[in-house]
């Protein structure tokens, strides 16, 4: 029983470490900031200094980042499915990874 519990703890620790590493390996936040300013900024507030998006219905990237439970997987899903109010912008895979990394870099540290 004790060895089963130890194995469970080790497995959980490995899963958490793998998940954290996967979050870090998404893309380059600096490159994502550039892509966001070139492609997304006409509708969204992409930098934390911007208090409002140019299009009010478009959420600020900082607000998206700080949505409860926001993950890379959730951002990938959101950014690769069409939305009625969003133009069908298709980013290259590397650009998409970088923008996701940038958005996640805006999360408030707790």
C-alpha atoms as a PDB file:
ATOM      1  CA  UNK A   1       0.000   0.000   0.000  1.00  0.00           C
ATOM      2  CA  UNK A   2       2.788   2.367   0.908  1.00  0.00           C
ATOM      3  CA  UNK A   3       4.628   1.728  -2.369  1.00  0.00           C
ATOM      4  CA  UNK A   4       1.409   2.322  -4.317  1.00  0.00           C
ATOM      5  CA  UNK A   5       0.996   5.686  -2.610  1.00  0.00           C
ATOM      6  CA  UNK A   6       4.619   6.589  -3.339  1.00  0.00           C
ATOM      7  CA  UNK A   7       4.179   5.589  -6.974  1.00  0.00           C
ATOM      8  CA  UNK A   8       1.046   7.768  -7.191  1.00  0.00           C
ATOM      9  CA  UNK A   9       2.888  10.776  -5.762  1.00  0.00           C
ATOM     10  CA  UNK A  10       5.808  10.307  -8.167  1.00  0.00           C
ATOM     11  CA  UNK A  11       3.421   9.938 -11.121  1.00  0.00           C
ATOM     12  CA  UNK A  12       1.538  13.082 -10.138  1.00  0.00           C
ATOM     13  CA  UNK A  13       4.784  15.039  -9.793  1.00  0.00           C
ATOM     14  CA  UNK A  14       5.914  13.862 -13.243  1.00  0.00           C
ATOM     15  CA  UNK A  15       2.573  14.852 -14.760  1.00  0.00           C
ATOM     16  CA  UNK A  16       2.758  18.334 -13.222  1.00  0.00           C
ATOM     17  CA  UNK A  17       6.359  18.808 -14.403  1.00  0.00           C
ATOM     18  CA  UNK A  18       5.461  17.673 -17.931  1.00  0.00           C
ATOM     19  CA  UNK A  19       2.468  20.010 -18.022  1.00  0.00           C
ATOM     20  CA  UNK A  20       4.529  22.968 -16.816  1.00  0.00           C
ATOM     21  CA  UNK A  21       7.235  22.219 -19.392  1.00  0.00           C
ATOM     22  CA  UNK A  22       4.611  21.972 -22.156  1.00  0.00           C
ATOM     23  CA  UNK A  23       3.252  25.388 -21.173  1.00  0.00           C
ATOM     24  CA  UNK A  24       6.770  26.865 -21.366  1.00  0.00           C
ATOM     25  CA  UNK A  25       7.535  25.246 -24.749  1.00  0.00           C
ATOM     26  CA  UNK A  26       4.504  26.666 -26.542  1.00  0.00           C
ATOM     27  CA  UNK A  27       6.252  29.440 -28.434  1.00  0.00           C
ATOM     28  CA  UNK A  28       8.114  32.701 -28.150  1.00  0.00           C
ATOM     29  CA  UNK A  29       6.118  35.406 -26.330  1.00  0.00           C
ATOM     30  CA  UNK A  30       8.250  38.210 -27.807  1.00  0.00           C
ATOM     31  CA  UNK A  31       7.611  37.006 -31.346  1.00  0.00           C
ATOM     32  CA  UNK A  32       3.947  36.572 -30.413  1.00  0.00           C
ATOM     33  CA  UNK A  33       3.750  40.195 -29.285  1.00  0.00           C
ATOM     34  CA  UNK A  34       4.987  41.280 -32.704  1.00  0.00           C
ATOM     35  CA  UNK A  35       2.470  39.081 -34.542  1.00  0.00           C
ATOM     36  CA  UNK A  36      -0.307  40.302 -32.247  1.00  0.00           C
ATOM     37  CA  UNK A  37       0.568  43.951 -32.863  1.00  0.00           C
ATOM     38  CA  UNK A  38       0.631  43.383 -36.631  1.00  0.00           C
ATOM     39  CA  UNK A  39      -2.454  41.165 -37.017  1.00  0.00           C
ATOM     40  CA  UNK A  40      -4.644  41.333 -33.910  1.00  0.00           C
ATOM     41  CA  UNK A  41      -4.289  44.941 -32.769  1.00  0.00           C
ATOM     42  CA  UNK A  42      -6.784  46.364 -35.246  1.00  0.00           C
ATOM     43  CA  UNK A  43      -9.537  44.734 -33.153  1.00  0.00           C
ATOM     44  CA  UNK A  44      -7.986  43.724 -29.797  1.00  0.00           C
ATOM     45  CA  UNK A  45      -6.043  45.575 -27.125  1.00  0.00           C
ATOM     46  CA  UNK A  46      -2.919  43.446 -27.313  1.00  0.00           C
ATOM     47  CA  UNK A  47      -0.731  45.196 -24.740  1.00  0.00           C
ATOM     48  CA  UNK A  48      -1.517  45.589 -21.043  1.00  0.00           C
ATOM     49  CA  UNK A  49      -1.206  49.371 -21.356  1.00  0.00           C
ATOM     50  CA  UNK A  50      -4.257  49.483 -23.615  1.00  0.00           C
ATOM     51  CA  UNK A  51      -7.357  49.870 -21.459  1.00  0.00           C
ATOM     52  CA  UNK A  52      -9.844  49.244 -24.289  1.00  0.00           C
ATOM     53  CA  UNK A  53      -9.872  47.300 -27.538  1.00  0.00           C
ATOM     54  CA  UNK A  54     -10.406  49.283 -30.751  1.00  0.00           C
ATOM     55  CA  UNK A  55     -13.524  47.160 -31.254  1.00  0.00           C
ATOM     56  CA  UNK A  56     -15.341  47.042 -27.939  1.00  0.00           C
ATOM     57  CA  UNK A  57     -16.674  43.506 -28.469  1.00  0.00           C
ATOM     58  CA  UNK A  58     -13.130  42.183 -28.948  1.00  0.00           C
ATOM     59  CA  UNK A  59     -11.655  41.201 -25.588  1.00  0.00           C
ATOM     60  CA  UNK A  60      -8.361  42.628 -24.392  1.00  0.00           C
ATOM     61  CA  UNK A  61      -5.584  40.037 -24.519  1.00  0.00           C
ATOM     62  CA  UNK A  62      -4.819  40.680 -20.838  1.00  0.00           C
ATOM     63  CA  UNK A  63      -8.451  39.874 -19.958  1.00  0.00           C
ATOM     64  CA  UNK A  64      -8.303  36.700 -22.048  1.00  0.00           C
ATOM     65  CA  UNK A  65      -5.072  35.663 -20.323  1.00  0.00           C
ATOM     66  CA  UNK A  66      -6.598  36.179 -16.893  1.00  0.00           C
ATOM     67  CA  UNK A  67      -9.815  34.324 -17.585  1.00  0.00           C
ATOM     68  CA  UNK A  68     -10.204  31.647 -14.939  1.00  0.00           C
ATOM     69  CA  UNK A  69      -8.764  28.340 -16.104  1.00  0.00           C
ATOM     70  CA  UNK A  70      -7.141  29.777 -19.246  1.00  0.00           C
ATOM     71  CA  UNK A  71      -4.642  27.351 -20.734  1.00  0.00           C
ATOM     72  CA  UNK A  72      -2.684  26.989 -23.941  1.00  0.00           C
ATOM     73  CA  UNK A  73      -5.069  24.269 -25.055  1.00  0.00           C
ATOM     74  CA  UNK A  74      -8.074  26.545 -24.515  1.00  0.00           C
ATOM     75  CA  UNK A  75      -6.405  29.350 -26.482  1.00  0.00           C
ATOM     76  CA  UNK A  76      -5.493  27.021 -29.348  1.00  0.00           C
ATOM     77  CA  UNK A  77      -9.100  25.808 -29.493  1.00  0.00           C
ATOM     78  CA  UNK A  78     -10.486  29.330 -29.377  1.00  0.00           C
ATOM     79  CA  UNK A  79      -8.111  30.694 -31.991  1.00  0.00           C
ATOM     80  CA  UNK A  80      -8.636  27.851 -34.463  1.00  0.00           C
ATOM     81  CA  UNK A  81     -12.433  27.845 -34.464  1.00  0.00           C
ATOM     82  CA  UNK A  82     -14.536  30.456 -36.179  1.00  0.00           C
ATOM     83  CA  UNK A  83     -16.537  33.025 -34.246  1.00  0.00           C
ATOM     84  CA  UNK A  84     -19.418  35.033 -35.681  1.00  0.00           C
ATOM     85  CA  UNK A  85     -17.864  38.367 -34.682  1.00  0.00           C
ATOM     86  CA  UNK A  86     -14.259  37.515 -35.582  1.00  0.00           C
ATOM     87  CA  UNK A  87     -12.787  37.455 -39.097  1.00  0.00           C
ATOM     88  CA  UNK A  88     -11.442  34.092 -40.220  1.00  0.00           C
ATOM     89  CA  UNK A  89      -7.746  34.813 -39.672  1.00  0.00           C
ATOM     90  CA  UNK A  90      -5.530  31.777 -40.176  1.00  0.00           C
ATOM     91  CA  UNK A  91      -2.113  32.063 -38.588  1.00  0.00           C
ATOM     92  CA  UNK A  92       0.865  29.949 -39.519  1.00  0.00           C
ATOM     93  CA  UNK A  93       1.418  27.262 -36.835  1.00  0.00           C
ATOM     94  CA  UNK A  94       4.542  28.985 -35.455  1.00  0.00           C
ATOM     95  CA  UNK A  95       2.767  32.348 -35.303  1.00  0.00           C
ATOM     96  CA  UNK A  96      -0.189  30.737 -33.541  1.00  0.00           C
ATOM     97  CA  UNK A  97       2.111  29.130 -30.936  1.00  0.00           C
ATOM     98  CA  UNK A  98       3.875  32.454 -30.414  1.00  0.00           C
ATOM     99  CA  UNK A  99       0.641  34.426 -29.980  1.00  0.00           C
ATOM    100  CA  UNK A 100      -0.622  31.834 -27.489  1.00  0.00           C
ATOM    101  CA  UNK A 101       2.676  32.114 -25.581  1.00  0.00           C
ATOM    102  CA  UNK A 102       2.349  35.898 -25.614  1.00  0.00           C
ATOM    103  CA  UNK A 103      -1.218  35.857 -24.318  1.00  0.00           C
ATOM    104  CA  UNK A 104      -0.267  33.431 -21.542  1.00  0.00           C
ATOM    105  CA  UNK A 105       2.671  35.687 -20.636  1.00  0.00           C
ATOM    106  CA  UNK A 106       0.088  38.349 -19.722  1.00  0.00           C
ATOM    107  CA  UNK A 107      -1.330  36.221 -16.909  1.00  0.00           C
ATOM    108  CA  UNK A 108      -1.077  37.871 -13.528  1.00  0.00           C
ATOM    109  CA  UNK A 109       1.330  36.064 -11.238  1.00  0.00           C
ATOM    110  CA  UNK A 110      -0.389  35.003  -8.062  1.00  0.00           C
END
